[in-house]
Amino acid sequence: ARTYAFVAEQTAGMEFATLDPFNTGEWTLTGNGKKIWVWTNMRSYTNHLNSAWTINGIPSGTTQLRVYGWDGFNGPRQTINVAAGQTSATISGLAENETHMVVSVPGALPNGT
């Protein structure tokens, strides 16, 4: 229940932009002023099983990327600062046999975080 509540909170007001769950194992959501990338790093879901993942299309105005695992309600596993104009990032140290979620954080969030 905690994982579902966390995902529902993060994806509120968002829609799927891309879906490729059984080839790359990746999908993206956009809306509510942010973008979320999801990658299922499992042999039966992705054609690029790895401990590193490159995401593209970082929205303008993003200042951070927060990387979550299945236990996202415990907080991000990594926080990556994003430079002005940066459009891609490679995230390393990702576990296999797990789903990862990266959330773009715009410069000014309504709740001040």
PDB file of N, CA and C in Angstrom:
ATOM      1  N   ALA A   1       0.820  -1.196   0.000  1.00  0.00           N
ATOM      2  CA  ALA A   1       0.000   0.000   0.000  1.00  0.00           C
ATOM      3  C   ALA A   1       0.864   1.260   0.000  1.00  0.00           C
ATOM      4  N   ARG A   2       1.994   1.228   0.705  1.00  0.00           N
ATOM      5  CA  ARG A   2       2.864   2.408   0.753  1.00  0.00           C
ATOM      6  C   ARG A   2       3.474   2.704  -0.607  1.00  0.00           C
ATOM      7  N   THR A   3       3.877   1.644  -1.334  1.00  0.00           N
ATOM      8  CA  THR A   3       4.463   1.852  -2.659  1.00  0.00           C
ATOM      9  C   THR A   3       3.424   2.442  -3.601  1.00  0.00           C
ATOM     10  N   TYR A   4       2.216   1.916  -3.587  1.00  0.00           N
ATOM     11  CA  TYR A   4       1.144   2.433  -4.436  1.00  0.00           C
ATOM     12  C   TYR A   4       0.872   3.905  -4.124  1.00  0.00           C
ATOM     13  N   ALA A   5       0.794   4.261  -2.859  1.00  0.00           N
ATOM     14  CA  ALA A   5       0.534   5.648  -2.466  1.00  0.00           C
ATOM     15  C   ALA A   5       1.654   6.567  -2.948  1.00  0.00           C
ATOM     16  N   PHE A   6       2.897   6.111  -2.833  1.00  0.00           N
ATOM     17  CA  PHE A   6       4.029   6.916  -3.291  1.00  0.00           C
ATOM     18  C   PHE A   6       3.954   7.150  -4.796  1.00  0.00           C
ATOM     19  N   VAL A   7       3.723   6.088  -5.567  1.00  0.00           N
ATOM     20  CA  VAL A   7       3.643   6.221  -7.028  1.00  0.00           C
ATOM     21  C   VAL A   7       2.470   7.109  -7.417  1.00  0.00           C
ATOM     22  N   ALA A   8       1.332   6.954  -6.771  1.00  0.00           N
ATOM     23  CA  ALA A   8       0.165   7.785  -7.067  1.00  0.00           C
ATOM     24  C   ALA A   8       0.469   9.256  -6.799  1.00  0.00           C
ATOM     25  N   GLU A   9       1.185   9.543  -5.739  1.00  0.00           N
ATOM     26  CA  GLU A   9       1.553  10.922  -5.415  1.00  0.00           C
ATOM     27  C   GLU A   9       2.500  11.495  -6.469  1.00  0.00           C
ATOM     28  N   GLN A  10       3.508  10.732  -6.862  1.00  0.00           N
ATOM     29  CA  GLN A  10       4.493  11.215  -7.832  1.00  0.00           C
ATOM     30  C   GLN A  10       3.891  11.432  -9.222  1.00  0.00           C
ATOM     31  N   THR A  11       2.916  10.608  -9.596  1.00  0.00           N
ATOM     32  CA  THR A  11       2.379  10.660 -10.961  1.00  0.00           C
ATOM     33  C   THR A  11       1.069  11.439 -11.071  1.00  0.00           C
ATOM     34  N   ALA A  12       0.625  12.065 -10.008  1.00  0.00           N
ATOM     35  CA  ALA A  12      -0.622  12.829 -10.044  1.00  0.00           C
ATOM     36  C   ALA A  12      -0.560  13.880 -11.152  1.00  0.00           C
ATOM     37  N   GLY A  13      -1.597  13.931 -11.974  1.00  0.00           N
ATOM     38  CA  GLY A  13      -1.674  14.922 -13.046  1.00  0.00           C
ATOM     39  C   GLY A  13      -0.807  14.618 -14.252  1.00  0.00           C
ATOM     40  N   MET A  14      -0.287  13.405 -14.339  1.00  0.00           N
ATOM     41  CA  MET A  14       0.609  13.037 -15.438  1.00  0.00           C
ATOM     42  C   MET A  14      -0.070  12.027 -16.355  1.00  0.00           C
ATOM     43  N   GLU A  15       0.433  11.948 -17.585  1.00  0.00           N
ATOM     44  CA  GLU A  15      -0.041  10.973 -18.558  1.00  0.00           C
ATOM     45  C   GLU A  15       1.149  10.269 -19.180  1.00  0.00           C
ATOM     46  N   PHE A  16       0.919   9.045 -19.662  1.00  0.00           N
ATOM     47  CA  PHE A  16       1.980   8.328 -20.353  1.00  0.00           C
ATOM     48  C   PHE A  16       2.303   9.036 -21.659  1.00  0.00           C
ATOM     49  N   ALA A  17       3.597   9.230 -21.906  1.00  0.00           N
ATOM     50  CA  ALA A  17       4.068   9.807 -23.166  1.00  0.00           C
ATOM     51  C   ALA A  17       4.615   8.717 -24.073  1.00  0.00           C
ATOM     52  N   THR A  18       5.302   7.724 -23.492  1.00  0.00           N
ATOM     53  CA  THR A  18       5.817   6.580 -24.238  1.00  0.00           C
ATOM     54  C   THR A  18       5.634   5.326 -23.403  1.00  0.00           C
ATOM     55  N   LEU A  19       5.447   4.207 -24.101  1.00  0.00           N
ATOM     56  CA  LEU A  19       5.302   2.908 -23.448  1.00  0.00           C
ATOM     57  C   LEU A  19       6.033   1.853 -24.265  1.00  0.00           C
ATOM     58  N   ASP A  20       7.014   1.206 -23.682  1.00  0.00           N
ATOM     59  CA  ASP A  20       7.726   0.115 -24.347  1.00  0.00           C
ATOM     60  C   ASP A  20       8.145  -0.906 -23.293  1.00  0.00           C
ATOM     61  N   PRO A  21       7.162  -1.499 -22.592  1.00  0.00           N
ATOM     62  CA  PRO A  21       7.498  -2.338 -21.445  1.00  0.00           C
ATOM     63  C   PRO A  21       8.176  -3.667 -21.766  1.00  0.00           C
ATOM     64  N   PHE A  22       8.094  -4.167 -23.006  1.00  0.00           N
ATOM     65  CA  PHE A  22       8.654  -5.495 -23.278  1.00  0.00           C
ATOM     66  C   PHE A  22       9.792  -5.488 -24.287  1.00  0.00           C
ATOM     67  N   ASN A  23      10.309  -4.327 -24.650  1.00  0.00           N
ATOM     68  CA  ASN A  23      11.484  -4.252 -25.512  1.00  0.00           C
ATOM     69  C   ASN A  23      12.593  -3.523 -24.753  1.00  0.00           C
ATOM     70  N   THR A  24      12.435  -2.223 -24.569  1.00  0.00           N
ATOM     71  CA  THR A  24      13.429  -1.482 -23.794  1.00  0.00           C
ATOM     72  C   THR A  24      13.134  -1.546 -22.300  1.00  0.00           C
ATOM     73  N   GLY A  25      11.879  -1.853 -21.956  1.00  0.00           N
ATOM     74  CA  GLY A  25      11.492  -1.858 -20.551  1.00  0.00           C
ATOM     75  C   GLY A  25      11.316  -0.457 -19.994  1.00  0.00           C
ATOM     76  N   GLU A  26      11.149   0.506 -20.885  1.00  0.00           N
ATOM     77  CA  GLU A  26      11.071   1.903 -20.472  1.00  0.00           C
ATOM     78  C   GLU A  26       9.726   2.521 -20.820  1.00  0.00           C
ATOM     79  N   TRP A  27       9.308   3.454 -20.005  1.00  0.00           N
ATOM     80  CA  TRP A  27       8.172   4.298 -20.337  1.00  0.00           C
ATOM     81  C   TRP A  27       8.377   5.642 -19.673  1.00  0.00           C
ATOM     82  N   THR A  28       7.697   6.658 -20.210  1.00  0.00           N
ATOM     83  CA  THR A  28       7.799   8.004 -19.655  1.00  0.00           C
ATOM     84  C   THR A  28       6.403   8.561 -19.408  1.00  0.00           C
ATOM     85  N   LEU A  29       6.346   9.430 -18.434  1.00  0.00           N
ATOM     86  CA  LEU A  29       5.126  10.161 -18.119  1.00  0.00           C
ATOM     87  C   LEU A  29       5.468  11.647 -18.108  1.00  0.00           C
ATOM     88  N   THR A  30       4.522  12.476 -18.536  1.00  0.00           N
ATOM     89  CA  THR A  30       4.722  13.919 -18.503  1.00  0.00           C
ATOM     90  C   THR A  30       3.463  14.591 -17.967  1.00  0.00           C
ATOM     91  N   GLY A  31       3.641  15.780 -17.452  1.00  0.00           N
ATOM     92  CA  GLY A  31       2.528  16.566 -16.939  1.00  0.00           C
ATOM     93  C   GLY A  31       2.852  17.130 -15.574  1.00  0.00           C
ATOM     94  N   ASN A  32       2.014  18.034 -15.135  1.00  0.00           N
ATOM     95  CA  ASN A  32       2.174  18.626 -13.810  1.00  0.00           C
ATOM     96  C   ASN A  32       3.545  19.280 -13.642  1.00  0.00           C
ATOM     97  N   GLY A  33       4.105  19.784 -14.766  1.00  0.00           N
ATOM     98  CA  GLY A  33       5.379  20.501 -14.717  1.00  0.00           C
ATOM     99  C   GLY A  33       6.613  19.635 -14.551  1.00  0.00           C
ATOM    100  N   LYS A  34       6.492  18.316 -14.774  1.00  0.00           N
ATOM    101  CA  LYS A  34       7.660  17.451 -14.623  1.00  0.00           C
ATOM    102  C   LYS A  34       7.583  16.285 -15.588  1.00  0.00           C
ATOM    103  N   LYS A  35       8.636  15.476 -15.581  1.00  0.00           N
ATOM    104  CA  LYS A  35       8.711  14.278 -16.410  1.00  0.00           C
ATOM    105  C   LYS A  35       9.220  13.145 -15.533  1.00  0.00           C
ATOM    106  N   ILE A  36       8.692  11.946 -15.775  1.00  0.00           N
ATOM    107  CA  ILE A  36       9.143  10.757 -15.060  1.00  0.00           C
ATOM    108  C   ILE A  36       9.542   9.701 -16.081  1.00  0.00           C
ATOM    109  N   TRP A  37      10.702   9.098 -15.864  1.00  0.00           N
ATOM    110  CA  TRP A  37      11.177   7.969 -16.665  1.00  0.00           C
ATOM    111  C   TRP A  37      11.120   6.737 -15.776  1.00  0.00           C
ATOM    112  N   VAL A  38      10.668   5.625 -16.323  1.00  0.00           N
ATOM    113  CA  VAL A  38      10.625   4.361 -15.578  1.00  0.00           C
ATOM    114  C   VAL A  38      11.331   3.311 -16.419  1.00  0.00           C
ATOM    115  N   TRP A  39      12.165   2.502 -15.763  1.00  0.00           N
ATOM    116  CA  TRP A  39      12.894   1.440 -16.463  1.00  0.00           C
ATOM    117  C   TRP A  39      12.835   0.174 -15.625  1.00  0.00           C
ATOM    118  N   THR A  40      12.336  -0.893 -16.219  1.00  0.00           N
ATOM    119  CA  THR A  40      12.339  -2.198 -15.576  1.00  0.00           C
ATOM    120  C   THR A  40      13.598  -2.928 -16.021  1.00  0.00           C
ATOM    121  N   ASN A  41      14.573  -2.968 -15.147  1.00  0.00           N
ATOM    122  CA  ASN A  41      15.888  -3.534 -15.431  1.00  0.00           C
ATOM    123  C   ASN A  41      15.889  -5.037 -15.114  1.00  0.00           C
ATOM    124  N   MET A  42      15.042  -5.761 -15.864  1.00  0.00           N
ATOM    125  CA  MET A  42      14.916  -7.212 -15.700  1.00  0.00           C
ATOM    126  C   MET A  42      15.012  -7.871 -17.067  1.00  0.00           C
ATOM    127  N   ARG A  43      15.692  -8.993 -17.118  1.00  0.00           N
ATOM    128  CA  ARG A  43      15.966  -9.687 -18.379  1.00  0.00           C
ATOM    129  C   ARG A  43      14.713  -9.864 -19.246  1.00  0.00           C
ATOM    130  N   SER A  44      13.596 -10.207 -18.678  1.00  0.00           N
ATOM    131  CA  SER A  44      12.398 -10.460 -19.484  1.00  0.00           C
ATOM    132  C   SER A  44      11.679  -9.177 -19.925  1.00  0.00           C
ATOM    133  N   TYR A  45      12.154  -8.009 -19.479  1.00  0.00           N
ATOM    134  CA  TYR A  45      11.495  -6.746 -19.822  1.00  0.00           C
ATOM    135  C   TYR A  45      12.346  -5.794 -20.646  1.00  0.00           C
ATOM    136  N   THR A  46      13.667  -5.896 -20.559  1.00  0.00           N
ATOM    137  CA  THR A  46      14.526  -4.935 -21.247  1.00  0.00           C
ATOM    138  C   THR A  46      15.536  -5.622 -22.153  1.00  0.00           C
ATOM    139  N   ASN A  47      15.877  -4.939 -23.234  1.00  0.00           N
ATOM    140  CA  ASN A  47      16.904  -5.452 -24.136  1.00  0.00           C
ATOM    141  C   ASN A  47      18.275  -4.854 -23.816  1.00  0.00           C
ATOM    142  N   HIS A  48      18.375  -4.125 -22.719  1.00  0.00           N
ATOM    143  CA  HIS A  48      19.664  -3.548 -22.318  1.00  0.00           C
ATOM    144  C   HIS A  48      19.863  -3.626 -20.802  1.00  0.00           C
ATOM    145  N   LEU A  49      19.852  -4.855 -20.302  1.00  0.00           N
ATOM    146  CA  LEU A  49      20.114  -5.123 -18.887  1.00  0.00           C
ATOM    147  C   LEU A  49      21.481  -4.536 -18.530  1.00  0.00           C
ATOM    148  N   ASN A  50      21.537  -3.700 -17.505  1.00  0.00           N
ATOM    149  CA  ASN A  50      22.772  -2.991 -17.203  1.00  0.00           C
ATOM    150  C   ASN A  50      22.665  -2.357 -15.821  1.00  0.00           C
ATOM    151  N   SER A  51      23.776  -1.842 -15.330  1.00  0.00           N
ATOM    152  CA  SER A  51      23.762  -1.092 -14.066  1.00  0.00           C
ATOM    153  C   SER A  51      23.770   0.415 -14.323  1.00  0.00           C
ATOM    154  N   ALA A  52      23.771   0.812 -15.597  1.00  0.00           N
ATOM    155  CA  ALA A  52      23.711   2.235 -15.955  1.00  0.00           C
ATOM    156  C   ALA A  52      22.583   2.437 -16.965  1.00  0.00           C
ATOM    157  N   TRP A  53      21.988   3.609 -16.930  1.00  0.00           N
ATOM    158  CA  TRP A  53      20.842   3.928 -17.790  1.00  0.00           C
ATOM    159  C   TRP A  53      20.935   5.383 -18.183  1.00  0.00           C
ATOM    160  N   THR A  54      20.846   5.654 -19.474  1.00  0.00           N
ATOM    161  CA  THR A  54      20.858   7.031 -19.968  1.00  0.00           C
ATOM    162  C   THR A  54      19.438   7.466 -20.273  1.00  0.00           C
ATOM    163  N   ILE A  55      19.054   8.595 -19.698  1.00  0.00           N
ATOM    164  CA  ILE A  55      17.746   9.171 -19.984  1.00  0.00           C
ATOM    165  C   ILE A  55      17.947  10.402 -20.854  1.00  0.00           C
ATOM    166  N   ASN A  56      16.996  10.645 -21.729  1.00  0.00           N
ATOM    167  CA  ASN A  56      17.045  11.779 -22.646  1.00  0.00           C
ATOM    168  C   ASN A  56      15.773  12.597 -22.509  1.00  0.00           C
ATOM    169  N   GLY A  57      15.846  13.832 -22.986  1.00  0.00           N
ATOM    170  CA  GLY A  57      14.663  14.690 -22.972  1.00  0.00           C
ATOM    171  C   GLY A  57      14.386  15.325 -21.629  1.00  0.00           C
ATOM    172  N   ILE A  58      15.446  15.654 -20.886  1.00  0.00           N
ATOM    173  CA  ILE A  58      15.252  16.343 -19.611  1.00  0.00           C
ATOM    174  C   ILE A  58      14.605  17.700 -19.899  1.00  0.00           C
ATOM    175  N   PRO A  59      13.478  18.006 -19.272  1.00  0.00           N
ATOM    176  CA  PRO A  59      12.788  19.265 -19.548  1.00  0.00           C
ATOM    177  C   PRO A  59      13.607  20.492 -19.146  1.00  0.00           C
ATOM    178  N   SER A  60      13.444  21.539 -19.920  1.00  0.00           N
ATOM    179  CA  SER A  60      14.059  22.826 -19.598  1.00  0.00           C
ATOM    180  C   SER A  60      13.586  23.268 -18.218  1.00  0.00           C
ATOM    181  N   GLY A  61      14.477  23.813 -17.426  1.00  0.00           N
ATOM    182  CA  GLY A  61      14.122  24.276 -16.088  1.00  0.00           C
ATOM    183  C   GLY A  61      14.312  23.244 -14.999  1.00  0.00           C
ATOM    184  N   THR A  62      14.661  22.011 -15.385  1.00  0.00           N
ATOM    185  CA  THR A  62      14.911  20.960 -14.389  1.00  0.00           C
ATOM    186  C   THR A  62      16.207  21.275 -13.656  1.00  0.00           C
ATOM    187  N   THR A  63      16.184  21.196 -12.341  1.00  0.00           N
ATOM    188  CA  THR A  63      17.388  21.446 -11.551  1.00  0.00           C
ATOM    189  C   THR A  63      17.949  20.176 -10.923  1.00  0.00           C
ATOM    190  N   GLN A  64      17.100  19.157 -10.774  1.00  0.00           N
ATOM    191  CA  GLN A  64      17.532  17.896 -10.167  1.00  0.00           C
ATOM    192  C   GLN A  64      16.795  16.730 -10.797  1.00  0.00           C
ATOM    193  N   LEU A  65      17.430  15.578 -10.712  1.00  0.00           N
ATOM    194  CA  LEU A  65      16.786  14.304 -11.013  1.00  0.00           C
ATOM    195  C   LEU A  65      16.834  13.498  -9.732  1.00  0.00           C
ATOM    196  N   ARG A  66      15.701  12.943  -9.353  1.00  0.00           N
ATOM    197  CA  ARG A  66      15.646  12.083  -8.168  1.00  0.00           C
ATOM    198  C   ARG A  66      15.406  10.656  -8.633  1.00  0.00           C
ATOM    199  N   VAL A  67      16.280   9.761  -8.202  1.00  0.00           N
ATOM    200  CA  VAL A  67      16.247   8.364  -8.638  1.00  0.00           C
ATOM    201  C   VAL A  67      15.696   7.508  -7.501  1.00  0.00           C
ATOM    202  N   TYR A  68      14.594   6.804  -7.804  1.00  0.00           N
ATOM    203  CA  TYR A  68      13.927   5.968  -6.813  1.00  0.00           C
ATOM    204  C   TYR A  68      13.971   4.512  -7.238  1.00  0.00           C
ATOM    205  N   GLY A  69      13.968   3.618  -6.264  1.00  0.00           N
ATOM    206  CA  GLY A  69      13.819   2.191  -6.494  1.00  0.00           C
ATOM    207  C   GLY A  69      12.426   1.761  -6.100  1.00  0.00           C
ATOM    208  N   TRP A  70      12.218   0.472  -5.978  1.00  0.00           N
ATOM    209  CA  TRP A  70      10.904  -0.054  -5.619  1.00  0.00           C
ATOM    210  C   TRP A  70      10.434   0.468  -4.277  1.00  0.00           C
ATOM    211  N   ASP A  71      11.365   0.852  -3.421  1.00  0.00           N
ATOM    212  CA  ASP A  71      11.055   1.335  -2.071  1.00  0.00           C
ATOM    213  C   ASP A  71      11.093   2.862  -2.015  1.00  0.00           C
ATOM    214  N   GLY A  72      10.565   3.507  -3.049  1.00  0.00           N
ATOM    215  CA  GLY A  72      10.651   4.949  -3.190  1.00  0.00           C
ATOM    216  C   GLY A  72      10.163   5.747  -2.010  1.00  0.00           C
ATOM    217  N   PHE A  73       9.227   5.196  -1.262  1.00  0.00           N
ATOM    218  CA  PHE A  73       8.706   5.915  -0.106  1.00  0.00           C
ATOM    219  C   PHE A  73       9.772   6.149   0.959  1.00  0.00           C
ATOM    220  N   ASN A  74      10.924   5.477   0.846  1.00  0.00           N
ATOM    221  CA  ASN A  74      12.041   5.709   1.764  1.00  0.00           C
ATOM    222  C   ASN A  74      12.914   6.886   1.329  1.00  0.00           C
ATOM    223  N   GLY A  75      12.550   7.533   0.233  1.00  0.00           N
ATOM    224  CA  GLY A  75      13.316   8.667  -0.285  1.00  0.00           C
ATOM    225  C   GLY A  75      14.150   8.246  -1.475  1.00  0.00           C
ATOM    226  N   PRO A  76      14.683   9.239  -2.201  1.00  0.00           N
ATOM    227  CA  PRO A  76      15.468   8.908  -3.395  1.00  0.00           C
ATOM    228  C   PRO A  76      16.769   8.203  -3.037  1.00  0.00           C
ATOM    229  N   ARG A  77      17.174   7.283  -3.901  1.00  0.00           N
ATOM    230  CA  ARG A  77      18.454   6.591  -3.730  1.00  0.00           C
ATOM    231  C   ARG A  77      19.598   7.469  -4.218  1.00  0.00           C
ATOM    232  N   GLN A  78      19.302   8.303  -5.209  1.00  0.00           N
ATOM    233  CA  GLN A  78      20.293   9.235  -5.734  1.00  0.00           C
ATOM    234  C   GLN A  78      19.590  10.546  -6.058  1.00  0.00           C
ATOM    235  N   THR A  79      20.314  11.642  -5.914  1.00  0.00           N
ATOM    236  CA  THR A  79      19.853  12.943  -6.372  1.00  0.00           C
ATOM    237  C   THR A  79      20.958  13.503  -7.251  1.00  0.00           C
ATOM    238  N   ILE A  80      20.598  13.844  -8.478  1.00  0.00           N
ATOM    239  CA  ILE A  80      21.571  14.313  -9.461  1.00  0.00           C
ATOM    240  C   ILE A  80      21.245  15.750  -9.824  1.00  0.00           C
ATOM    241  N   ASN A  81      22.219  16.644  -9.672  1.00  0.00           N
ATOM    242  CA  ASN A  81      22.019  18.034 -10.076  1.00  0.00           C
ATOM    243  C   ASN A  81      22.088  18.131 -11.594  1.00  0.00           C
ATOM    244  N   VAL A  82      21.228  18.968 -12.167  1.00  0.00           N
ATOM    245  CA  VAL A  82      21.136  19.140 -13.612  1.00  0.00           C
ATOM    246  C   VAL A  82      21.560  20.558 -13.959  1.00  0.00           C
ATOM    247  N   ALA A  83      22.494  20.685 -14.903  1.00  0.00           N
ATOM    248  CA  ALA A  83      22.965  21.997 -15.352  1.00  0.00           C
ATOM    249  C   ALA A  83      21.952  22.620 -16.311  1.00  0.00           C
ATOM    250  N   ALA A  84      21.933  23.931 -16.377  1.00  0.00           N
ATOM    251  CA  ALA A  84      21.050  24.632 -17.315  1.00  0.00           C
ATOM    252  C   ALA A  84      21.335  24.137 -18.729  1.00  0.00           C
ATOM    253  N   GLY A  85      20.293  23.783 -19.455  1.00  0.00           N
ATOM    254  CA  GLY A  85      20.438  23.316 -20.830  1.00  0.00           C
ATOM    255  C   GLY A  85      20.770  21.846 -20.980  1.00  0.00           C
ATOM    256  N   GLN A  86      21.012  21.140 -19.888  1.00  0.00           N
ATOM    257  CA  GLN A  86      21.325  19.703 -19.958  1.00  0.00           C
ATOM    258  C   GLN A  86      20.085  18.937 -20.385  1.00  0.00           C
ATOM    259  N   THR A  87      20.228  18.050 -21.382  1.00  0.00           N
ATOM    260  CA  THR A  87      19.068  17.310 -21.896  1.00  0.00           C
ATOM    261  C   THR A  87      19.151  15.801 -21.684  1.00  0.00           C
ATOM    262  N   SER A  88      20.295  15.304 -21.211  1.00  0.00           N
ATOM    263  CA  SER A  88      20.418  13.870 -20.940  1.00  0.00           C
ATOM    264  C   SER A  88      21.321  13.653 -19.727  1.00  0.00           C
ATOM    265  N   ALA A  89      21.202  12.466 -19.150  1.00  0.00           N
ATOM    266  CA  ALA A  89      22.039  12.100 -18.010  1.00  0.00           C
ATOM    267  C   ALA A  89      22.165  10.584 -17.971  1.00  0.00           C
ATOM    268  N   THR A  90      23.325  10.106 -17.557  1.00  0.00           N
ATOM    269  CA  THR A  90      23.533   8.675 -17.355  1.00  0.00           C
ATOM    270  C   THR A  90      23.578   8.421 -15.860  1.00  0.00           C
ATOM    271  N   ILE A  91      22.745   7.508 -15.431  1.00  0.00           N
ATOM    272  CA  ILE A  91      22.632   7.161 -14.020  1.00  0.00           C
ATOM    273  C   ILE A  91      23.291   5.801 -13.839  1.00  0.00           C
ATOM    274  N   SER A  92      24.227   5.719 -12.924  1.00  0.00           N
ATOM    275  CA  SER A  92      24.946   4.457 -12.715  1.00  0.00           C
ATOM    276  C   SER A  92      24.635   3.899 -11.330  1.00  0.00           C
ATOM    277  N   GLY A  93      25.082   2.679 -11.091  1.00  0.00           N
ATOM    278  CA  GLY A  93      24.885   2.033  -9.808  1.00  0.00           C
ATOM    279  C   GLY A  93      23.479   1.491  -9.607  1.00  0.00           C
ATOM    280  N   LEU A  94      22.786   1.186 -10.711  1.00  0.00           N
ATOM    281  CA  LEU A  94      21.415   0.691 -10.630  1.00  0.00           C
ATOM    282  C   LEU A  94      21.403  -0.832 -10.522  1.00  0.00           C
ATOM    283  N   ALA A  95      20.576  -1.333  -9.654  1.00  0.00           N
ATOM    284  CA  ALA A  95      20.486  -2.777  -9.438  1.00  0.00           C
ATOM    285  C   ALA A  95      19.738  -3.454 -10.582  1.00  0.00           C
ATOM    286  N   GLU A  96      20.169  -4.655 -10.939  1.00  0.00           N
ATOM    287  CA  GLU A  96      19.424  -5.474 -11.890  1.00  0.00           C
ATOM    288  C   GLU A  96      18.244  -6.108 -11.163  1.00  0.00           C
ATOM    289  N   ASN A  97      17.286  -6.585 -11.940  1.00  0.00           N
ATOM    290  CA  ASN A  97      16.078  -7.223 -11.405  1.00  0.00           C
ATOM    291  C   ASN A  97      15.266  -6.292 -10.525  1.00  0.00           C
ATOM    292  N   GLU A  98      15.217  -5.031 -10.951  1.00  0.00           N
ATOM    293  CA  GLU A  98      14.480  -4.024 -10.194  1.00  0.00           C
ATOM    294  C   GLU A  98      13.959  -2.964 -11.152  1.00  0.00           C
ATOM    295  N   THR A  99      12.879  -2.308 -10.765  1.00  0.00           N
ATOM    296  CA  THR A  99      12.342  -1.191 -11.533  1.00  0.00           C
ATOM    297  C   THR A  99      12.837   0.106 -10.915  1.00  0.00           C
ATOM    298  N   HIS A 100      13.275   1.036 -11.775  1.00  0.00           N
ATOM    299  CA  HIS A 100      13.811   2.322 -11.335  1.00  0.00           C
ATOM    300  C   HIS A 100      12.947   3.440 -11.890  1.00  0.00           C
ATOM    301  N   MET A 101      12.803   4.512 -11.101  1.00  0.00           N
ATOM    302  CA  MET A 101      12.016   5.668 -11.512  1.00  0.00           C
ATOM    303  C   MET A 101      12.843   6.920 -11.289  1.00  0.00           C
ATOM    304  N   VAL A 102      12.905   7.763 -12.327  1.00  0.00           N
ATOM    305  CA  VAL A 102      13.632   9.031 -12.248  1.00  0.00           C
ATOM    306  C   VAL A 102      12.613  10.153 -12.407  1.00  0.00           C
ATOM    307  N   VAL A 103      12.610  11.073 -11.464  1.00  0.00           N
ATOM    308  CA  VAL A 103      11.667  12.189 -11.465  1.00  0.00           C
ATOM    309  C   VAL A 103      12.435  13.483 -11.682  1.00  0.00           C
ATOM    310  N   SER A 104      12.022  14.262 -12.692  1.00  0.00           N
ATOM    311  CA  SER A 104      12.625  15.574 -12.902  1.00  0.00           C
ATOM    312  C   SER A 104      12.035  16.547 -11.886  1.00  0.00           C
ATOM    313  N   VAL A 105      12.884  17.381 -11.340  1.00  0.00           N
ATOM    314  CA  VAL A 105      12.461  18.362 -10.358  1.00  0.00           C
ATOM    315  C   VAL A 105      12.678  19.741 -10.944  1.00  0.00           C
ATOM    316  N   PRO A 106      11.577  20.492 -11.176  1.00  0.00           N
ATOM    317  CA  PRO A 106      11.729  21.839 -11.717  1.00  0.00           C
ATOM    318  C   PRO A 106      12.359  22.779 -10.682  1.00  0.00           C
ATOM    319  N   GLY A 107      12.860  23.895 -11.153  1.00  0.00           N
ATOM    320  CA  GLY A 107      13.571  24.853 -10.289  1.00  0.00           C
ATOM    321  C   GLY A 107      12.789  25.318  -9.080  1.00  0.00           C
ATOM    322  N   ALA A 108      11.502  25.552  -9.219  1.00  0.00           N
ATOM    323  CA  ALA A 108      10.697  26.022  -8.105  1.00  0.00           C
ATOM    324  C   ALA A 108       9.438  25.178  -8.004  1.00  0.00           C
ATOM    325  N   LEU A 109       9.340  24.397  -6.947  1.00  0.00           N
ATOM    326  CA  LEU A 109       8.152  23.585  -6.734  1.00  0.00           C
ATOM    327  C   LEU A 109       7.191  24.319  -5.801  1.00  0.00           C
ATOM    328  N   PRO A 110       5.911  24.103  -5.965  1.00  0.00           N
ATOM    329  CA  PRO A 110       4.926  24.796  -5.141  1.00  0.00           C
ATOM    330  C   PRO A 110       5.137  24.609  -3.643  1.00  0.00           C
ATOM    331  N   ASN A 111       5.609  23.433  -3.221  1.00  0.00           N
ATOM    332  CA  ASN A 111       5.777  23.192  -1.786  1.00  0.00           C
ATOM    333  C   ASN A 111       7.160  23.595  -1.262  1.00  0.00           C
ATOM    334  N   GLY A 112       7.991  24.208  -2.141  1.00  0.00           N
ATOM    335  CA  GLY A 112       9.279  24.723  -1.712  1.00  0.00           C
ATOM    336  C   GLY A 112      10.390  23.720  -1.609  1.00  0.00           C
ATOM    337  N   THR A 113      10.177  22.463  -2.039  1.00  0.00           N
ATOM    338  CA  THR A 113      11.240  21.453  -1.951  1.00  0.00           C
ATOM    339  C   THR A 113      12.020  21.377  -3.235  1.00  0.00           C
TER     340      THR A 113
END
